[in-house]
N, C-alpha and C. Protein backbone atom coordinates (compact mmCIF):
# COMPACT_ATOMS: atom_id res chain seq x y z
N ASN A 1 112.12 96.63 106.31
CA ASN A 1 112.25 98.06 106.21
C ASN A 1 110.98 98.71 106.75
N ARG A 2 111.14 99.66 107.64
CA ARG A 2 109.98 100.29 108.28
C ARG A 2 109.13 101.11 107.31
N LEU A 3 109.79 101.73 106.34
CA LEU A 3 109.03 102.49 105.35
C LEU A 3 108.11 101.57 104.56
N LYS A 4 108.64 100.45 104.14
CA LYS A 4 107.83 99.49 103.37
C LYS A 4 106.67 98.98 104.22
N GLU A 5 106.93 98.70 105.50
CA GLU A 5 105.86 98.25 106.40
C GLU A 5 104.80 99.33 106.57
N SER A 6 105.23 100.57 106.72
CA SER A 6 104.28 101.68 106.86
C SER A 6 103.44 101.84 105.61
N LEU A 7 104.06 101.70 104.47
CA LEU A 7 103.34 101.82 103.20
C LEU A 7 102.30 100.71 103.06
N GLU A 8 102.66 99.50 103.41
CA GLU A 8 101.72 98.38 103.33
C GLU A 8 100.56 98.57 104.30
N LEU A 9 100.85 99.04 105.51
CA LEU A 9 99.79 99.30 106.49
C LEU A 9 98.86 100.40 105.98
N PHE A 10 99.43 101.48 105.46
CA PHE A 10 98.62 102.57 104.93
C PHE A 10 97.70 102.08 103.81
N LYS A 11 98.24 101.29 102.90
CA LYS A 11 97.43 100.78 101.78
C LYS A 11 96.32 99.85 102.27
N SER A 12 96.61 99.05 103.29
CA SER A 12 95.56 98.16 103.81
C SER A 12 94.44 98.96 104.48
N ILE A 13 94.80 100.02 105.17
CA ILE A 13 93.79 100.89 105.79
C ILE A 13 93.01 101.63 104.70
N TRP A 14 93.74 102.17 103.73
CA TRP A 14 93.13 102.95 102.66
C TRP A 14 92.14 102.11 101.85
N ASN A 15 92.45 100.83 101.67
CA ASN A 15 91.59 99.96 100.87
C ASN A 15 90.54 99.21 101.68
N ASN A 16 90.45 99.48 102.96
CA ASN A 16 89.46 98.83 103.82
C ASN A 16 88.07 99.35 103.45
N ARG A 17 87.19 98.44 103.12
CA ARG A 17 85.85 98.87 102.66
C ARG A 17 85.07 99.59 103.74
N TRP A 18 85.37 99.36 105.01
CA TRP A 18 84.65 100.02 106.10
C TRP A 18 85.11 101.46 106.30
N LEU A 19 86.23 101.80 105.72
CA LEU A 19 86.79 103.14 105.92
C LEU A 19 86.77 103.99 104.65
N ARG A 20 86.03 103.58 103.66
CA ARG A 20 86.03 104.27 102.37
C ARG A 20 85.45 105.68 102.42
N THR A 21 84.63 105.97 103.38
CA THR A 21 83.97 107.27 103.41
C THR A 21 84.66 108.27 104.33
N ILE A 22 85.76 107.87 104.95
CA ILE A 22 86.42 108.80 105.87
C ILE A 22 87.51 109.59 105.16
N SER A 23 87.83 110.72 105.72
CA SER A 23 88.94 111.53 105.22
C SER A 23 90.21 111.12 105.95
N VAL A 24 91.32 111.26 105.28
CA VAL A 24 92.60 110.86 105.87
C VAL A 24 93.61 111.99 105.68
N ILE A 25 94.37 112.24 106.73
CA ILE A 25 95.50 113.16 106.65
C ILE A 25 96.74 112.33 106.90
N LEU A 26 97.69 112.41 106.01
CA LEU A 26 98.93 111.65 106.13
C LEU A 26 100.07 112.61 106.43
N PHE A 27 100.74 112.39 107.54
CA PHE A 27 101.90 113.19 107.91
C PHE A 27 103.16 112.41 107.58
N LEU A 28 103.99 112.97 106.75
CA LEU A 28 105.27 112.35 106.41
C LEU A 28 106.35 113.10 107.20
N ASN A 29 106.63 112.59 108.38
CA ASN A 29 107.58 113.27 109.25
C ASN A 29 108.97 112.64 109.14
N LYS A 30 109.87 113.07 109.97
CA LYS A 30 111.26 112.59 110.02
C LYS A 30 112.01 112.86 108.73
N GLN A 31 111.67 113.97 108.08
CA GLN A 31 112.36 114.34 106.85
C GLN A 31 113.82 114.69 107.12
N ASP A 32 114.11 115.15 108.33
CA ASP A 32 115.49 115.44 108.67
C ASP A 32 116.33 114.17 108.70
N LEU A 33 115.76 113.07 109.19
CA LEU A 33 116.48 111.79 109.21
C LEU A 33 116.67 111.26 107.79
N LEU A 34 115.65 111.42 106.95
CA LEU A 34 115.77 111.01 105.56
C LEU A 34 116.90 111.78 104.88
N LYS A 35 116.93 113.08 105.10
CA LYS A 35 117.97 113.91 104.50
C LYS A 35 119.36 113.44 104.93
N ASP A 36 119.53 113.17 106.22
CA ASP A 36 120.83 112.70 106.73
C ASP A 36 121.23 111.37 106.09
N LYS A 37 120.26 110.45 105.96
CA LYS A 37 120.57 109.14 105.38
C LYS A 37 120.91 109.24 103.90
N VAL A 38 120.19 110.09 103.17
CA VAL A 38 120.48 110.26 101.75
C VAL A 38 121.86 110.88 101.57
N ARG A 39 122.16 111.89 102.37
CA ARG A 39 123.47 112.55 102.27
C ARG A 39 124.61 111.60 102.62
N ALA A 40 124.38 110.73 103.60
CA ALA A 40 125.42 109.79 104.05
C ALA A 40 125.51 108.55 103.16
N GLY A 41 124.54 108.38 102.26
CA GLY A 41 124.53 107.21 101.40
C GLY A 41 124.09 105.94 102.11
N LYS A 42 123.42 106.09 103.25
CA LYS A 42 122.95 104.93 104.02
C LYS A 42 121.58 104.49 103.52
N SER A 43 121.28 103.22 103.68
CA SER A 43 119.96 102.67 103.38
C SER A 43 119.44 103.15 102.02
N LYS A 44 120.10 102.76 100.99
CA LYS A 44 119.70 103.17 99.64
C LYS A 44 118.26 102.74 99.36
N ILE A 45 117.45 103.69 98.94
CA ILE A 45 116.03 103.44 98.72
C ILE A 45 115.82 102.36 97.67
N GLU A 46 116.66 102.35 96.64
CA GLU A 46 116.46 101.37 95.57
C GLU A 46 116.69 99.93 96.02
N ASP A 47 117.36 99.75 97.17
CA ASP A 47 117.50 98.40 97.72
C ASP A 47 116.16 97.83 98.18
N TYR A 48 115.26 98.71 98.58
CA TYR A 48 113.94 98.30 99.08
C TYR A 48 112.83 98.56 98.07
N PHE A 49 113.03 99.58 97.23
CA PHE A 49 112.05 99.97 96.23
C PHE A 49 112.76 100.07 94.87
N PRO A 50 112.81 98.98 94.12
CA PRO A 50 113.53 98.98 92.84
C PRO A 50 113.05 100.06 91.86
N ASP A 51 111.79 100.46 91.96
CA ASP A 51 111.26 101.50 91.07
C ASP A 51 111.95 102.85 91.26
N PHE A 52 112.60 103.04 92.40
CA PHE A 52 113.28 104.31 92.66
C PHE A 52 114.39 104.57 91.64
N ALA A 53 114.99 103.53 91.12
CA ALA A 53 116.08 103.69 90.14
C ALA A 53 115.59 104.42 88.88
N ARG A 54 114.32 104.24 88.53
CA ARG A 54 113.75 104.88 87.33
C ARG A 54 112.93 106.13 87.65
N TYR A 55 112.79 106.44 88.93
CA TYR A 55 111.93 107.55 89.33
C TYR A 55 112.56 108.89 88.95
N ARG A 56 111.74 109.77 88.43
CA ARG A 56 112.17 111.13 88.12
C ARG A 56 111.36 112.10 88.97
N THR A 57 112.05 113.07 89.52
CA THR A 57 111.39 114.08 90.33
C THR A 57 110.39 114.84 89.45
N PRO A 58 109.17 115.07 89.95
CA PRO A 58 108.19 115.81 89.14
C PRO A 58 108.71 117.20 88.76
N PRO A 59 108.36 117.68 87.57
CA PRO A 59 108.85 118.99 87.12
C PRO A 59 108.42 120.14 88.03
N ASP A 60 107.29 119.99 88.71
CA ASP A 60 106.80 121.06 89.58
C ASP A 60 107.28 120.90 91.02
N ALA A 61 108.22 119.99 91.27
CA ALA A 61 108.71 119.75 92.63
C ALA A 61 109.45 120.98 93.15
N THR A 62 109.24 121.25 94.42
CA THR A 62 109.89 122.37 95.07
C THR A 62 110.86 121.83 96.12
N ALA A 63 112.12 122.19 95.97
CA ALA A 63 113.12 121.73 96.93
C ALA A 63 113.13 122.64 98.15
N GLU A 64 113.36 122.05 99.30
CA GLU A 64 113.55 122.84 100.52
C GLU A 64 114.90 123.54 100.42
N PRO A 65 115.03 124.72 101.02
CA PRO A 65 116.34 125.39 100.98
C PRO A 65 117.44 124.49 101.56
N GLY A 66 118.51 124.35 100.81
CA GLY A 66 119.64 123.55 101.26
C GLY A 66 119.57 122.08 100.90
N ASP A 67 118.45 121.63 100.31
CA ASP A 67 118.32 120.22 99.93
C ASP A 67 118.97 119.98 98.57
N GLU A 68 119.76 118.91 98.51
CA GLU A 68 120.32 118.49 97.23
C GLU A 68 119.22 117.83 96.40
N GLU A 69 119.50 117.66 95.11
CA GLU A 69 118.52 117.04 94.22
C GLU A 69 118.18 115.63 94.68
N ALA A 70 119.16 114.90 95.19
CA ALA A 70 118.92 113.52 95.65
C ALA A 70 117.95 113.48 96.82
N VAL A 71 118.02 114.46 97.69
CA VAL A 71 117.11 114.53 98.85
C VAL A 71 115.70 114.83 98.37
N THR A 72 115.57 115.81 97.49
CA THR A 72 114.25 116.17 96.95
C THR A 72 113.64 114.98 96.21
N ARG A 73 114.44 114.29 95.43
CA ARG A 73 113.96 113.12 94.69
C ARG A 73 113.45 112.05 95.65
N ALA A 74 114.19 111.79 96.72
CA ALA A 74 113.77 110.78 97.71
C ALA A 74 112.46 111.19 98.38
N LYS A 75 112.34 112.45 98.76
CA LYS A 75 111.11 112.92 99.41
C LYS A 75 109.90 112.75 98.50
N TYR A 76 110.04 113.15 97.25
CA TYR A 76 108.91 113.05 96.33
C TYR A 76 108.58 111.61 95.98
N PHE A 77 109.59 110.75 95.89
CA PHE A 77 109.32 109.34 95.63
C PHE A 77 108.48 108.75 96.75
N ILE A 78 108.87 109.01 97.99
CA ILE A 78 108.13 108.47 99.13
C ILE A 78 106.71 109.03 99.15
N ARG A 79 106.58 110.32 98.91
CA ARG A 79 105.24 110.92 98.84
C ARG A 79 104.39 110.23 97.79
N ASP A 80 104.96 110.03 96.61
CA ASP A 80 104.21 109.43 95.51
C ASP A 80 103.86 107.97 95.77
N GLU A 81 104.65 107.28 96.55
CA GLU A 81 104.32 105.90 96.91
C GLU A 81 103.04 105.84 97.74
N PHE A 82 102.80 106.85 98.54
CA PHE A 82 101.61 106.88 99.38
C PHE A 82 100.38 107.39 98.64
N LEU A 83 100.56 108.04 97.51
CA LEU A 83 99.41 108.59 96.77
C LEU A 83 98.78 107.58 95.85
């Protein structure tokens, strides 16, 4: 899964002792593709990330206009995995 690979790469960079003093900006793009996959029921996140089954959307989460709760939950889960 590309998301899992990206997460592992990000964590290895983030934990690199030579890069501890640098600032990092993380862009989480392709949200439109994520929305389409969630709506279509393709590539269920919990198949790759079992913790997603227990994940609850943060109370202060803001949904994009037109996003279903499942889409917002998926977006915040992915964001939280990188934090």
